PDB file of N, CA and C in Angstrom:
ATOM      1  N   MET A   1      94.756  94.791  85.354  1.00  0.00           N
ATOM      2  CA  MET A   1      95.154  95.883  86.226  1.00  0.00           C
ATOM      3  C   MET A   1      94.910  97.198  85.492  1.00  0.00           C
ATOM      4  N   ASN A   2      94.322  98.154  86.193  1.00  0.00           N
ATOM      5  CA  ASN A   2      94.086  99.469  85.629  1.00  0.00           C
ATOM      6  C   ASN A   2      95.329 100.333  85.807  1.00  0.00           C
ATOM      7  N   PHE A   3      95.532 101.235  84.867  1.00  0.00           N
ATOM      8  CA  PHE A   3      96.649 102.165  84.970  1.00  0.00           C
ATOM      9  C   PHE A   3      96.252 103.483  84.339  1.00  0.00           C
ATOM     10  N   TYR A   4      97.057 104.509  84.619  1.00  0.00           N
ATOM     11  CA  TYR A   4      96.796 105.849  84.136  1.00  0.00           C
ATOM     12  C   TYR A   4      98.105 106.427  83.622  1.00  0.00           C
ATOM     13  N   GLU A   5      98.110 106.877  82.377  1.00  0.00           N
ATOM     14  CA  GLU A   5      99.315 107.480  81.804  1.00  0.00           C
ATOM     15  C   GLU A   5      99.284 108.987  82.032  1.00  0.00           C
ATOM     16  N   TYR A   6     100.434 109.516  82.477  1.00  0.00           N
ATOM     17  CA  TYR A   6     100.538 110.937  82.768  1.00  0.00           C
ATOM     18  C   TYR A   6     101.980 111.378  82.563  1.00  0.00           C
ATOM     19  N   LYS A   7     102.189 112.308  81.638  1.00  0.00           N
ATOM     20  CA  LYS A   7     103.515 112.883  81.360  1.00  0.00           C
ATOM     21  C   LYS A   7     104.596 111.808  81.200  1.00  0.00           C
ATOM     22  N   ASP A   8     104.353 110.863  80.334  1.00  0.00           N
ATOM     23  CA  ASP A   8     105.291 109.775  80.026  1.00  0.00           C
ATOM     24  C   ASP A   8     105.530 108.818  81.191  1.00  0.00           C
ATOM     25  N   HIS A   9     104.760 108.909  82.243  1.00  0.00           N
ATOM     26  CA  HIS A   9     104.822 107.987  83.381  1.00  0.00           C
ATOM     27  C   HIS A   9     103.555 107.126  83.364  1.00  0.00           C
ATOM     28  N   ILE A  10     103.605 106.004  84.022  1.00  0.00           N
ATOM     29  CA  ILE A  10     102.418 105.170  84.176  1.00  0.00           C
ATOM     30  C   ILE A  10     102.160 104.998  85.669  1.00  0.00           C
ATOM     31  N   ILE A  11     100.947 105.353  86.079  1.00  0.00           N
ATOM     32  CA  ILE A  11     100.525 105.231  87.471  1.00  0.00           C
ATOM     33  C   ILE A  11      99.660 103.979  87.592  1.00  0.00           C
ATOM     34  N   TYR A  12     100.036 103.100  88.509  1.00  0.00           N
ATOM     35  CA  TYR A  12      99.259 101.896  88.799  1.00  0.00           C
ATOM     36  C   TYR A  12      98.668 102.035  90.198  1.00  0.00           C
ATOM     37  N   PRO A  13      97.375 102.405  90.314  1.00  0.00           N
ATOM     38  CA  PRO A  13      96.772 102.504  91.638  1.00  0.00           C
ATOM     39  C   PRO A  13      96.476 101.103  92.192  1.00  0.00           C
ATOM     40  N   THR A  14      96.960 100.830  93.387  1.00  0.00           N
ATOM     41  CA  THR A  14      96.718  99.540  94.043  1.00  0.00           C
ATOM     42  C   THR A  14      96.353  99.782  95.505  1.00  0.00           C
ATOM     43  N   PRO A  15      95.201 100.452  95.746  1.00  0.00           N
ATOM     44  CA  PRO A  15      94.846 100.769  97.128  1.00  0.00           C
ATOM     45  C   PRO A  15      94.704  99.493  97.951  1.00  0.00           C
ATOM     46  N   ARG A  16      94.961  99.621  99.257  1.00  0.00           N
ATOM     47  CA  ARG A  16      94.855  98.460 100.128  1.00  0.00           C
ATOM     48  C   ARG A  16      93.872  98.769 101.248  1.00  0.00           C
ATOM     49  N   ILE A  17      93.190  97.748 101.681  1.00  0.00           N
ATOM     50  CA  ILE A  17      92.212  97.927 102.746  1.00  0.00           C
ATOM     51  C   ILE A  17      92.863  97.668 104.098  1.00  0.00           C
ATOM     52  N   ASP A  18      92.547  98.521 105.044  1.00  0.00           N
ATOM     53  CA  ASP A  18      93.016  98.340 106.412  1.00  0.00           C
ATOM     54  C   ASP A  18      92.016  97.410 107.103  1.00  0.00           C
ATOM     55  N   ILE A  19      92.456  96.230 107.459  1.00  0.00           N
ATOM     56  CA  ILE A  19      91.574  95.206 108.017  1.00  0.00           C
ATOM     57  C   ILE A  19      90.910  95.684 109.307  1.00  0.00           C
ATOM     58  N   ASP A  20      91.644  96.383 110.150  1.00  0.00           N
ATOM     59  CA  ASP A  20      91.095  96.819 111.436  1.00  0.00           C
ATOM     60  C   ASP A  20      89.983  97.848 111.289  1.00  0.00           C
ATOM     61  N   SER A  21      90.175  98.817 110.402  1.00  0.00           N
ATOM     62  CA  SER A  21      89.202  99.904 110.272  1.00  0.00           C
ATOM     63  C   SER A  21      88.197  99.696 109.138  1.00  0.00           C
ATOM     64  N   GLY A  22      88.581  98.908 108.138  1.00  0.00           N
ATOM     65  CA  GLY A  22      87.713  98.726 106.971  1.00  0.00           C
ATOM     66  C   GLY A  22      87.841  99.837 105.953  1.00  0.00           C
ATOM     67  N   TYR A  23      88.761 100.763 106.175  1.00  0.00           N
ATOM     68  CA  TYR A  23      88.976 101.861 105.238  1.00  0.00           C
ATOM     69  C   TYR A  23      90.099 101.517 104.266  1.00  0.00           C
ATOM     70  N   TRP A  24      90.044 102.181 103.114  1.00  0.00           N
ATOM     71  CA  TRP A  24      91.053 101.984 102.072  1.00  0.00           C
ATOM     72  C   TRP A  24      92.164 103.011 102.204  1.00  0.00           C
ATOM     73  N   LYS A  25      93.404 102.580 101.960  1.00  0.00           N
ATOM     74  CA  LYS A  25      94.571 103.464 102.017  1.00  0.00           C
ATOM     75  C   LYS A  25      95.220 103.572 100.639  1.00  0.00           C
ATOM     76  N   ILE A  26      95.920 104.678 100.435  1.00  0.00           N
ATOM     77  CA  ILE A  26      96.598 104.917  99.160  1.00  0.00           C
ATOM     78  C   ILE A  26      97.849 104.048  99.050  1.00  0.00           C
ATOM     79  N   GLN A  27      97.940 103.361  97.931  1.00  0.00           N
ATOM     80  CA  GLN A  27      99.158 102.644  97.556  1.00  0.00           C
ATOM     81  C   GLN A  27      99.199 102.642  96.031  1.00  0.00           C
ATOM     82  N   LEU A  28     100.337 102.975  95.465  1.00  0.00           N
ATOM     83  CA  LEU A  28     100.472 103.019  94.020  1.00  0.00           C
ATOM     84  C   LEU A  28     101.919 102.805  93.620  1.00  0.00           C
ATOM     85  N   THR A  29     102.100 102.415  92.387  1.00  0.00           N
ATOM     86  CA  THR A  29     103.440 102.385  91.819  1.00  0.00           C
ATOM     87  C   THR A  29     103.459 103.322  90.625  1.00  0.00           C
ATOM     88  N   ILE A  30     104.619 103.903  90.402  1.00  0.00           N
ATOM     89  CA  ILE A  30     104.812 104.771  89.236  1.00  0.00           C
ATOM     90  C   ILE A  30     105.972 104.210  88.443  1.00  0.00           C
ATOM     91  N   ARG A  31     105.744 104.082  87.148  1.00  0.00           N
ATOM     92  CA  ARG A  31     106.782 103.573  86.253  1.00  0.00           C
ATOM     93  C   ARG A  31     107.163 104.658  85.263  1.00  0.00           C
ATOM     94  N   TYR A  32     108.469 104.804  85.080  1.00  0.00           N
ATOM     95  CA  TYR A  32     108.999 105.718  84.071  1.00  0.00           C
ATOM     96  C   TYR A  32     110.196 105.025  83.432  1.00  0.00           C
ATOM     97  N   LYS A  33     110.067 104.721  82.152  1.00  0.00           N
ATOM     98  CA  LYS A  33     111.079 103.962  81.424  1.00  0.00           C
ATOM     99  C   LYS A  33     111.336 102.649  82.164  1.00  0.00           C
ATOM    100  N   ASN A  34     112.547 102.394  82.638  1.00  0.00           N
ATOM    101  CA  ASN A  34     112.851 101.137  83.333  1.00  0.00           C
ATOM    102  C   ASN A  34     112.814 101.276  84.849  1.00  0.00           C
ATOM    103  N   ASN A  35     112.287 102.375  85.340  1.00  0.00           N
ATOM    104  CA  ASN A  35     112.243 102.626  86.785  1.00  0.00           C
ATOM    105  C   ASN A  35     110.829 102.430  87.312  1.00  0.00           C
ATOM    106  N   ILE A  36     110.720 101.757  88.439  1.00  0.00           N
ATOM    107  CA  ILE A  36     109.436 101.550  89.101  1.00  0.00           C
ATOM    108  C   ILE A  36     109.622 101.859  90.584  1.00  0.00           C
ATOM    109  N   LYS A  37     108.636 102.557  91.151  1.00  0.00           N
ATOM    110  CA  LYS A  37     108.737 102.905  92.574  1.00  0.00           C
ATOM    111  C   LYS A  37     107.363 102.826  93.233  1.00  0.00           C
ATOM    112  N   LEU A  38     107.336 102.304  94.454  1.00  0.00           N
ATOM    113  CA  LEU A  38     106.113 102.149  95.240  1.00  0.00           C
ATOM    114  C   LEU A  38     105.937 103.338  96.182  1.00  0.00           C
ATOM    115  N   PHE A  39     104.696 103.820  96.290  1.00  0.00           N
ATOM    116  CA  PHE A  39     104.358 104.918  97.188  1.00  0.00           C
ATOM    117  C   PHE A  39     103.144 104.524  98.024  1.00  0.00           C
ATOM    118  N   LYS A  40     103.133 104.949  99.288  1.00  0.00           N
ATOM    119  CA  LYS A  40     102.013 104.675 100.194  1.00  0.00           C
ATOM    120  C   LYS A  40     101.694 105.931 100.990  1.00  0.00           C
ATOM    121  N   ARG A  41     100.420 106.046 101.373  1.00  0.00           N
ATOM    122  CA  ARG A  41      99.984 107.110 102.287  1.00  0.00           C
ATOM    123  C   ARG A  41      98.929 106.518 103.208  1.00  0.00           C
ATOM    124  N   ASP A  42      98.843 107.048 104.403  1.00  0.00           N
ATOM    125  CA  ASP A  42      97.872 106.541 105.365  1.00  0.00           C
ATOM    126  C   ASP A  42      96.512 107.213 105.287  1.00  0.00           C
ATOM    127  N   ALA A  43      96.302 108.094 104.324  1.00  0.00           N
ATOM    128  CA  ALA A  43      94.987 108.710 104.158  1.00  0.00           C
ATOM    129  C   ALA A  43      93.954 107.599 103.950  1.00  0.00           C
ATOM    130  N   MET A  44      92.778 107.740 104.564  1.00  0.00           N
ATOM    131  CA  MET A  44      91.783 106.672 104.509  1.00  0.00           C
ATOM    132  C   MET A  44      90.526 107.112 103.782  1.00  0.00           C
ATOM    133  N   PHE A  45      89.955 106.177 103.021  1.00  0.00           N
ATOM    134  CA  PHE A  45      88.762 106.446 102.224  1.00  0.00           C
ATOM    135  C   PHE A  45      87.755 105.318 102.421  1.00  0.00           C
ATOM    136  N   GLY A  46      86.483 105.652 102.319  1.00  0.00           N
ATOM    137  CA  GLY A  46      85.420 104.702 102.582  1.00  0.00           C
ATOM    138  C   GLY A  46      85.219 103.651 101.508  1.00  0.00           C
ATOM    139  N   THR A  47      85.609 103.980 100.272  1.00  0.00           N
ATOM    140  CA  THR A  47      85.423 103.022  99.179  1.00  0.00           C
ATOM    141  C   THR A  47      86.715 102.849  98.392  1.00  0.00           C
ATOM    142  N   ARG A  48      86.786 101.730  97.703  1.00  0.00           N
ATOM    143  CA  ARG A  48      87.944 101.469  96.849  1.00  0.00           C
ATOM    144  C   ARG A  48      88.018 102.511  95.727  1.00  0.00           C
ATOM    145  N   GLY A  49      86.874 102.873  95.170  1.00  0.00           N
ATOM    146  CA  GLY A  49      86.831 103.856  94.090  1.00  0.00           C
ATOM    147  C   GLY A  49      87.408 105.200  94.496  1.00  0.00           C
ATOM    148  N   GLU A  50      87.062 105.651  95.703  1.00  0.00           N
ATOM    149  CA  GLU A  50      87.637 106.906  96.214  1.00  0.00           C
ATOM    150  C   GLU A  50      89.148 106.784  96.342  1.00  0.00           C
ATOM    151  N   ALA A  51      89.596 105.651  96.856  1.00  0.00           N
ATOM    152  CA  ALA A  51      91.034 105.439  97.047  1.00  0.00           C
ATOM    153  C   ALA A  51      91.771 105.426  95.709  1.00  0.00           C
ATOM    154  N   VAL A  52      91.190 104.792  94.699  1.00  0.00           N
ATOM    155  CA  VAL A  52      91.809 104.763  93.368  1.00  0.00           C
ATOM    156  C   VAL A  52      91.932 106.184  92.825  1.00  0.00           C
ATOM    157  N   PHE A  53      90.872 106.960  92.949  1.00  0.00           N
ATOM    158  CA  PHE A  53      90.896 108.356  92.494  1.00  0.00           C
ATOM    159  C   PHE A  53      92.042 109.114  93.166  1.00  0.00           C
ATOM    160  N   HIS A  54      92.180 108.959  94.471  1.00  0.00           N
ATOM    161  CA  HIS A  54      93.213 109.678  95.207  1.00  0.00           C
ATOM    162  C   HIS A  54      94.609 109.117  94.938  1.00  0.00           C
ATOM    163  N   CYS A  55      94.706 107.822  94.615  1.00  0.00           N
ATOM    164  CA  CYS A  55      96.000 107.257  94.194  1.00  0.00           C
ATOM    165  C   CYS A  55      96.484 107.961  92.934  1.00  0.00           C
ATOM    166  N   ILE A  56      95.593 108.118  91.977  1.00  0.00           N
ATOM    167  CA  ILE A  56      95.950 108.764  90.713  1.00  0.00           C
ATOM    168  C   ILE A  56      96.305 110.231  90.947  1.00  0.00           C
ATOM    169  N   SER A  57      95.502 110.901  91.753  1.00  0.00           N
ATOM    170  CA  SER A  57      95.765 112.311  92.059  1.00  0.00           C
ATOM    171  C   SER A  57      97.117 112.483  92.751  1.00  0.00           C
ATOM    172  N   TYR A  58      97.401 111.637  93.731  1.00  0.00           N
ATOM    173  CA  TYR A  58      98.674 111.685  94.441  1.00  0.00           C
ATOM    174  C   TYR A  58      99.835 111.371  93.489  1.00  0.00           C
ATOM    175  N   GLY A  59      99.638 110.398  92.620  1.00  0.00           N
ATOM    176  CA  GLY A  59     100.662 110.052  91.636  1.00  0.00           C
ATOM    177  C   GLY A  59     100.984 111.216  90.716  1.00  0.00           C
ATOM    178  N   LYS A  60      99.966 111.918  90.263  1.00  0.00           N
ATOM    179  CA  LYS A  60     100.180 113.078  89.403  1.00  0.00           C
ATOM    180  C   LYS A  60     100.958 114.167  90.137  1.00  0.00           C
ATOM    181  N   THR A  61     100.640 114.369  91.402  1.00  0.00           N
ATOM    182  CA  THR A  61     101.361 115.350  92.209  1.00  0.00           C
ATOM    183  C   THR A  61     102.831 114.965  92.339  1.00  0.00           C
ATOM    184  N   LEU A  62     103.095 113.694  92.616  1.00  0.00           N
ATOM    185  CA  LEU A  62     104.479 113.226  92.734  1.00  0.00           C
ATOM    186  C   LEU A  62     105.243 113.441  91.429  1.00  0.00           C
ATOM    187  N   ILE A  63     104.603 113.154  90.317  1.00  0.00           N
ATOM    188  CA  ILE A  63     105.245 113.334  89.011  1.00  0.00           C
ATOM    189  C   ILE A  63     105.531 114.815  88.765  1.00  0.00           C
ATOM    190  N   ASP A  64     104.562 115.665  89.062  1.00  0.00           N
ATOM    191  CA  ASP A  64     104.744 117.107  88.868  1.00  0.00           C
ATOM    192  C   ASP A  64     105.877 117.656  89.728  1.00  0.00           C
ATOM    193  N   GLU A  65     106.054 117.093  90.924  1.00  0.00           N
ATOM    194  CA  GLU A  65     107.109 117.552  91.829  1.00  0.00           C
ATOM    195  C   GLU A  65     108.468 116.956  91.487  1.00  0.00           C
ATOM    196  N   GLY A  66     108.475 115.905  90.683  1.00  0.00           N
ATOM    197  CA  GLY A  66     109.719 115.241  90.303  1.00  0.00           C
ATOM    198  C   GLY A  66     110.014 114.081  91.234  1.00  0.00           C
ATOM    199  N   ILE A  67     110.110 112.902  90.692  1.00  0.00           N
ATOM    200  CA  ILE A  67     110.323 111.693  91.482  1.00  0.00           C
ATOM    201  C   ILE A  67     111.795 111.333  91.471  1.00  0.00           C
ATOM    202  N   ASP A  68     112.311 111.012  92.635  1.00  0.00           N
ATOM    203  CA  ASP A  68     113.685 110.527  92.762  1.00  0.00           C
ATOM    204  C   ASP A  68     113.630 109.003  92.769  1.00  0.00           C
ATOM    205  N   PHE A  69     113.950 108.387  91.654  1.00  0.00           N
ATOM    206  CA  PHE A  69     113.905 106.933  91.552  1.00  0.00           C
ATOM    207  C   PHE A  69     115.113 106.269  92.204  1.00  0.00           C
ATOM    208  N   GLU A  70     116.064 107.067  92.667  1.00  0.00           N
ATOM    209  CA  GLU A  70     117.280 106.513  93.281  1.00  0.00           C
ATOM    210  C   GLU A  70     117.037 106.025  94.707  1.00  0.00           C
ATOM    211  N   THR A  71     116.105 106.685  95.429  1.00  0.00           N
ATOM    212  CA  THR A  71     115.837 106.281  96.811  1.00  0.00           C
ATOM    213  C   THR A  71     114.815 105.154  96.826  1.00  0.00           C
ATOM    214  N   LYS A  72     114.765 104.455  97.943  1.00  0.00           N
ATOM    215  CA  LYS A  72     113.809 103.347  98.092  1.00  0.00           C
ATOM    216  C   LYS A  72     112.400 103.888  98.254  1.00  0.00           C
ATOM    217  N   GLU A  73     111.480 102.996  98.510  1.00  0.00           N
ATOM    218  CA  GLU A  73     110.067 103.275  98.636  1.00  0.00           C
ATOM    219  C   GLU A  73     109.763 104.453  99.549  1.00  0.00           C
ATOM    220  N   ILE A  74     108.734 105.203  99.165  1.00  0.00           N
ATOM    221  CA  ILE A  74     108.289 106.363  99.957  1.00  0.00           C
ATOM    222  C   ILE A  74     106.913 106.042 100.517  1.00  0.00           C
TER     223      ILE A  74
END
């Protein structure tokens, strides 16, 4: 599994393919110390590589904005 370290967090991009459309959607988990949280977005991309890039970019944005690990999945 590929991962990306950013500001003491670890981003795990796990894009998923939409079977109906054939496009890839953003899905990632972010880990910080003993906390792990799943994030999803419906943005669609033509390739898995594009989706991975945007997973990492979205993860960095979430980290910069501050993640609330107390709430459930976003």
